[in-house]
């Protein structure tokens, strides 16, 4: 092993023996992913240079695929992306041994639970703006007045006012539709976390923690919602994935 080579850490599982997950380690070198056990815990690791892996699609997928493979058999605590140790001994001493009770308790808490991601967006903003105008009498009234207004200054002021009212109404409409979607799914989950959104079209970027027993019911509800929304709203359903949004192991050396 090269002097500057360490161990990339993907996650923590309950296991007391070494096993291998295949040559699928991050970095595209065909590094073997394997478990490093200590008592009833194990870190999932692979050999890696001690470098800062950029957050590229390729690297993110490689990291996620290791976790997905491990999740087929184990309850898993994901470790923050690009956590690299100098070697195996420090992982045992500083992580598995030093935080043994914490991780045993966390694994027990997360037993039988998975994370599902849900994203939603409007598909046609012109249609949404038309709905906003139709639903708000004050906006319709000002727009009608603008159409017949000959004074350019008043016309301009009216357009500014309409723009402000439309934006306000759009935010209120978005809030209502977001709550409608989340309220339909929350009863099937143990926890829900809303993540950041960008742009007017995007409505929801949320993670749900559910039990494996509820996965089918959650799937069924998603299908109901997709049928109800038709072409107006596009839903994207992701998972099961490692529960990043509800537990993430952060290591400081």
Protein backbone atom coordinates (compact mmCIF):
# COMPACT_ATOMS: atom_id res chain seq x y z
CA UNK A 1 0.00 0.00 0.00
CA UNK A 2 1.27 3.50 -0.84
CA UNK A 3 2.18 5.72 2.09
CA UNK A 4 -0.46 8.31 1.19
CA UNK A 5 -3.22 5.75 0.71
CA UNK A 6 -5.97 5.51 3.28
CA UNK A 7 -9.44 4.07 3.67
CA UNK A 8 -12.59 5.68 2.28
CA UNK A 9 -15.53 5.12 4.69
CA UNK A 10 -19.06 4.67 3.31
CA UNK A 11 -21.15 3.63 6.27
CA UNK A 12 -21.55 1.72 9.53
CA UNK A 13 -23.44 -1.56 9.91
CA UNK A 14 -23.99 -4.21 12.57
CA UNK A 15 -21.62 -7.05 11.61
CA UNK A 16 -18.89 -8.95 13.41
CA UNK A 17 -17.01 -10.52 10.50
CA UNK A 18 -15.13 -9.27 7.47
CA UNK A 19 -16.92 -9.61 4.14
CA UNK A 20 -16.54 -8.15 0.67
CA UNK A 21 -19.02 -6.24 -1.51
CA UNK A 22 -17.00 -6.33 -4.73
CA UNK A 23 -14.45 -4.12 -6.57
CA UNK A 24 -16.80 -1.12 -6.66
CA UNK A 25 -14.93 1.46 -4.57
CA UNK A 26 -15.01 5.16 -5.35
CA UNK A 27 -12.35 6.53 -7.67
CA UNK A 28 -12.70 4.15 -10.59
CA UNK A 29 -9.72 2.00 -9.60
CA UNK A 30 -11.65 -1.19 -8.97
CA UNK A 31 -10.91 -1.00 -5.24
CA UNK A 32 -12.49 -3.79 -3.18
CA UNK A 33 -15.21 -2.64 -0.80
CA UNK A 34 -15.16 -4.61 2.44
CA UNK A 35 -16.16 -4.49 6.08
CA UNK A 36 -13.77 -3.61 8.89
CA UNK A 37 -15.30 -5.15 12.04
CA UNK A 38 -14.95 -4.28 15.71
CA UNK A 39 -17.07 -6.38 18.10
CA UNK A 40 -20.63 -6.12 16.71
CA UNK A 41 -19.99 -3.10 14.48
CA UNK A 42 -18.28 -2.75 11.12
CA UNK A 43 -17.25 0.12 8.87
CA UNK A 44 -17.72 -0.33 5.13
CA UNK A 45 -14.50 0.83 3.49
CA UNK A 46 -12.26 0.66 0.44
CA UNK A 47 -8.65 1.64 -0.24
CA UNK A 48 -8.34 5.21 -1.47
CA UNK A 49 -5.78 7.95 -1.90
CA UNK A 50 -6.14 10.64 0.76
CA UNK A 51 -7.67 13.22 -1.56
CA UNK A 52 -10.69 15.51 -1.73
CA UNK A 53 -13.12 13.81 -4.12
CA UNK A 54 -15.08 16.45 -6.04
CA UNK A 55 -18.85 16.11 -5.88
CA UNK A 56 -19.24 14.84 -9.45
CA UNK A 57 -22.04 12.65 -10.76
CA UNK A 58 -19.60 9.75 -11.15
CA UNK A 59 -18.27 9.99 -7.59
CA UNK A 60 -21.69 10.53 -6.03
CA UNK A 61 -23.10 7.50 -7.84
CA UNK A 62 -20.13 5.33 -6.80
CA UNK A 63 -20.63 6.33 -3.15
CA UNK A 64 -24.41 5.76 -3.30
CA UNK A 65 -24.12 2.39 -5.05
CA UNK A 66 -21.99 0.99 -2.24
CA UNK A 67 -24.60 2.05 0.29
CA UNK A 68 -27.44 0.62 -1.82
CA UNK A 69 -25.63 -2.71 -2.07
CA UNK A 70 -25.07 -2.85 1.68
CA UNK A 71 -28.70 -1.89 2.36
CA UNK A 72 -29.88 -5.04 0.60
CA UNK A 73 -28.71 -6.98 3.65
CA UNK A 74 -28.06 -4.55 6.50
CA UNK A 75 -29.45 -1.61 8.41
CA UNK A 76 -26.99 1.15 7.60
CA UNK A 77 -25.75 4.46 9.02
CA UNK A 78 -24.38 6.52 6.11
CA UNK A 79 -21.09 8.34 6.67
CA UNK A 80 -20.63 11.81 5.17
CA UNK A 81 -19.36 11.84 1.59
CA UNK A 82 -15.56 11.90 1.24
CA UNK A 83 -14.64 10.77 4.74
CA UNK A 84 -11.18 9.21 4.46
CA UNK A 85 -9.03 7.79 7.26
CA UNK A 86 -5.25 7.32 7.26
CA UNK A 87 -5.71 3.58 7.80
CA UNK A 88 -7.71 0.81 9.43
CA UNK A 89 -6.43 1.28 12.99
CA UNK A 90 -7.68 4.84 13.29
CA UNK A 91 -11.14 3.77 12.05
CA UNK A 92 -11.32 1.11 14.74
CA UNK A 93 -10.02 3.36 17.50
CA UNK A 94 -11.62 6.72 16.67
CA UNK A 95 -14.93 5.56 15.20
CA UNK A 96 -15.97 2.00 16.00
CA UNK A 97 -14.47 1.78 19.47
CA UNK A 98 -14.90 5.41 20.60
CA UNK A 99 -18.52 5.67 19.40
CA UNK A 100 -19.55 2.04 19.83
CA UNK A 101 -22.58 2.58 22.11
CA UNK A 102 -23.81 5.55 20.03
CA UNK A 103 -23.80 3.52 16.82
CA UNK A 104 -25.33 0.42 18.38
CA UNK A 105 -28.23 2.56 19.64
CA UNK A 106 -28.61 4.35 16.30
CA UNK A 107 -28.66 1.09 14.38
CA UNK A 108 -31.36 -0.24 16.70
CA UNK A 109 -33.40 2.95 16.11
CA UNK A 110 -33.03 2.68 12.32
CA UNK A 111 -33.73 -1.06 12.12
CA UNK A 112 -36.33 -1.81 9.48
CA UNK A 113 -36.50 1.80 8.25
CA UNK A 114 -35.74 3.27 4.83
CA UNK A 115 -35.70 6.70 3.22
CA UNK A 116 -37.80 7.61 0.19
CA UNK A 117 -37.46 10.84 -1.75
CA UNK A 118 -40.36 12.70 -3.40
CA UNK A 119 -40.06 15.63 -5.78
CA UNK A 120 -42.90 17.49 -7.43
CA UNK A 121 -43.11 20.34 -9.92
CA UNK A 122 -45.65 22.13 -12.03
CA UNK A 123 -45.26 21.23 -15.69
CA UNK A 124 -46.75 24.34 -17.35
CA UNK A 125 -46.18 27.70 -15.67
CA UNK A 126 -48.29 29.58 -18.23
CA UNK A 127 -51.26 27.44 -17.20
CA UNK A 128 -50.49 28.03 -13.50
CA UNK A 129 -50.30 31.83 -14.02
CA UNK A 130 -53.64 31.67 -15.85
CA UNK A 131 -55.13 29.79 -12.87
CA UNK A 132 -53.74 32.43 -10.49
CA UNK A 133 -55.39 35.24 -12.45
CA UNK A 134 -58.68 33.35 -12.75
CA UNK A 135 -58.76 32.58 -9.02
CA UNK A 136 -58.06 36.19 -7.90
CA UNK A 137 -60.73 38.79 -8.63
CA UNK A 138 -58.48 41.76 -7.74
CA UNK A 139 -55.88 40.69 -10.30
CA UNK A 140 -58.55 40.22 -12.98
CA UNK A 141 -60.01 43.66 -12.22
CA UNK A 142 -56.64 45.44 -12.52
CA UNK A 143 -55.75 43.56 -15.72
CA UNK A 144 -59.07 44.58 -17.28
CA UNK A 145 -58.48 48.21 -16.23
CA UNK A 146 -54.98 48.17 -17.75
CA UNK A 147 -56.36 46.93 -21.07
CA UNK A 148 -58.44 50.11 -21.46
CA UNK A 149 -56.03 52.56 -19.77
CA UNK A 150 -54.53 55.17 -22.12
CA UNK A 151 -52.22 56.87 -19.63
CA UNK A 152 -48.88 55.11 -20.02
CA UNK A 153 -47.71 55.93 -16.49
CA UNK A 154 -50.87 54.50 -14.94
CA UNK A 155 -50.63 51.51 -17.26
CA UNK A 156 -47.06 50.85 -16.13
CA UNK A 157 -48.00 51.22 -12.45
CA UNK A 158 -50.89 48.83 -12.99
CA UNK A 159 -48.60 46.22 -14.52
CA UNK A 160 -46.22 46.50 -11.56
CA UNK A 161 -49.13 46.03 -9.17
CA UNK A 162 -50.37 42.99 -11.11
CA UNK A 163 -46.89 41.47 -11.03
CA UNK A 164 -46.71 41.87 -7.26
CA UNK A 165 -50.18 40.42 -6.71
CA UNK A 166 -49.49 37.48 -9.03
CA UNK A 167 -46.24 36.65 -7.22
CA UNK A 168 -47.98 36.81 -3.84
CA UNK A 169 -50.87 34.66 -5.06
CA UNK A 170 -48.45 32.21 -6.67
CA UNK A 171 -46.60 31.73 -3.37
CA UNK A 172 -49.89 31.14 -1.55
CA UNK A 173 -51.01 28.66 -4.20
CA UNK A 174 -47.68 26.85 -4.01
CA UNK A 175 -47.91 26.64 -0.22
CA UNK A 176 -51.41 25.13 -0.43
CA UNK A 177 -50.44 22.53 -3.01
CA UNK A 178 -47.25 21.59 -1.16
CA UNK A 179 -49.19 21.01 2.06
CA UNK A 180 -51.81 19.00 0.20
CA UNK A 181 -49.12 16.66 -1.18
CA UNK A 182 -47.16 16.35 2.07
CA UNK A 183 -50.29 15.81 4.14
CA UNK A 184 -51.24 12.90 1.88
CA UNK A 185 -47.89 11.19 2.53
CA UNK A 186 -47.00 12.14 6.11
CA UNK A 187 -49.41 9.65 7.75
CA UNK A 188 -47.51 6.80 6.05
CA UNK A 189 -44.13 7.98 7.34
CA UNK A 190 -42.29 8.29 10.64
CA UNK A 191 -40.68 11.60 9.71
CA UNK A 192 -40.54 14.06 6.83
CA UNK A 193 -37.82 16.54 5.93
CA UNK A 194 -38.27 19.28 3.33
CA UNK A 195 -35.14 20.23 1.41
CA UNK A 196 -34.25 23.38 -0.50
CA UNK A 197 -35.99 24.27 -3.75
CA UNK A 198 -35.05 26.53 -6.64
CA UNK A 199 -37.38 28.10 -9.22
CA UNK A 200 -41.12 28.76 -9.39
CA UNK A 201 -41.95 25.43 -11.04
CA UNK A 202 -40.56 23.25 -8.25
CA UNK A 203 -42.98 22.46 -5.44
CA UNK A 204 -41.55 19.70 -3.27
CA UNK A 205 -38.16 18.18 -2.54
CA UNK A 206 -38.81 16.04 0.51
CA UNK A 207 -37.44 12.94 2.21
CA UNK A 208 -39.63 10.51 4.14
CA UNK A 209 -38.48 8.00 6.73
CA UNK A 210 -40.75 4.95 6.64
CA UNK A 211 -40.81 1.38 7.87
CA UNK A 212 -40.28 -1.32 5.27
CA UNK A 213 -43.77 -2.61 6.09
CA UNK A 214 -45.23 0.71 4.90
CA UNK A 215 -43.33 0.80 1.61
CA UNK A 216 -46.14 -0.77 -0.42
CA UNK A 217 -48.75 1.55 1.07
CA UNK A 218 -46.50 4.53 0.27
CA UNK A 219 -46.08 3.25 -3.31
CA UNK A 220 -49.85 2.93 -3.66
CA UNK A 221 -50.42 6.47 -2.40
CA UNK A 222 -47.85 7.83 -4.85
CA UNK A 223 -49.66 6.10 -7.71
CA UNK A 224 -52.95 7.61 -6.55
CA UNK A 225 -51.42 11.08 -6.48
CA UNK A 226 -49.86 10.68 -9.93
CA UNK A 227 -53.24 9.65 -11.33
CA UNK A 228 -54.97 12.57 -9.62
CA UNK A 229 -52.43 15.18 -10.78
CA UNK A 230 -52.32 13.93 -14.37
CA UNK A 231 -50.18 16.16 -16.60
CA UNK A 232 -50.51 19.21 -14.35
CA UNK A 233 -47.90 18.11 -11.80
CA UNK A 234 -44.91 15.86 -12.36
CA UNK A 235 -43.87 13.61 -9.47
CA UNK A 236 -40.47 11.97 -9.11
CA UNK A 237 -40.10 9.10 -6.65
CA UNK A 238 -36.65 8.06 -5.42
CA UNK A 239 -35.62 5.15 -3.23
CA UNK A 240 -35.18 3.26 -1.10
CA UNK A 241 -31.94 5.09 -0.32
CA UNK A 242 -29.66 5.35 2.70
CA UNK A 243 -31.29 7.60 5.32
CA UNK A 244 -29.00 10.60 4.77
CA UNK A 245 -31.69 13.08 5.75
CA UNK A 246 -32.35 11.48 9.13
CA UNK A 247 -28.96 10.19 10.23
CA UNK A 248 -25.50 10.98 8.90
CA UNK A 249 -22.27 10.03 10.62
CA UNK A 250 -19.86 12.95 10.71
CA UNK A 251 -16.28 12.08 11.66
CA UNK A 252 -13.70 14.48 13.04
CA UNK A 253 -10.20 13.14 13.46
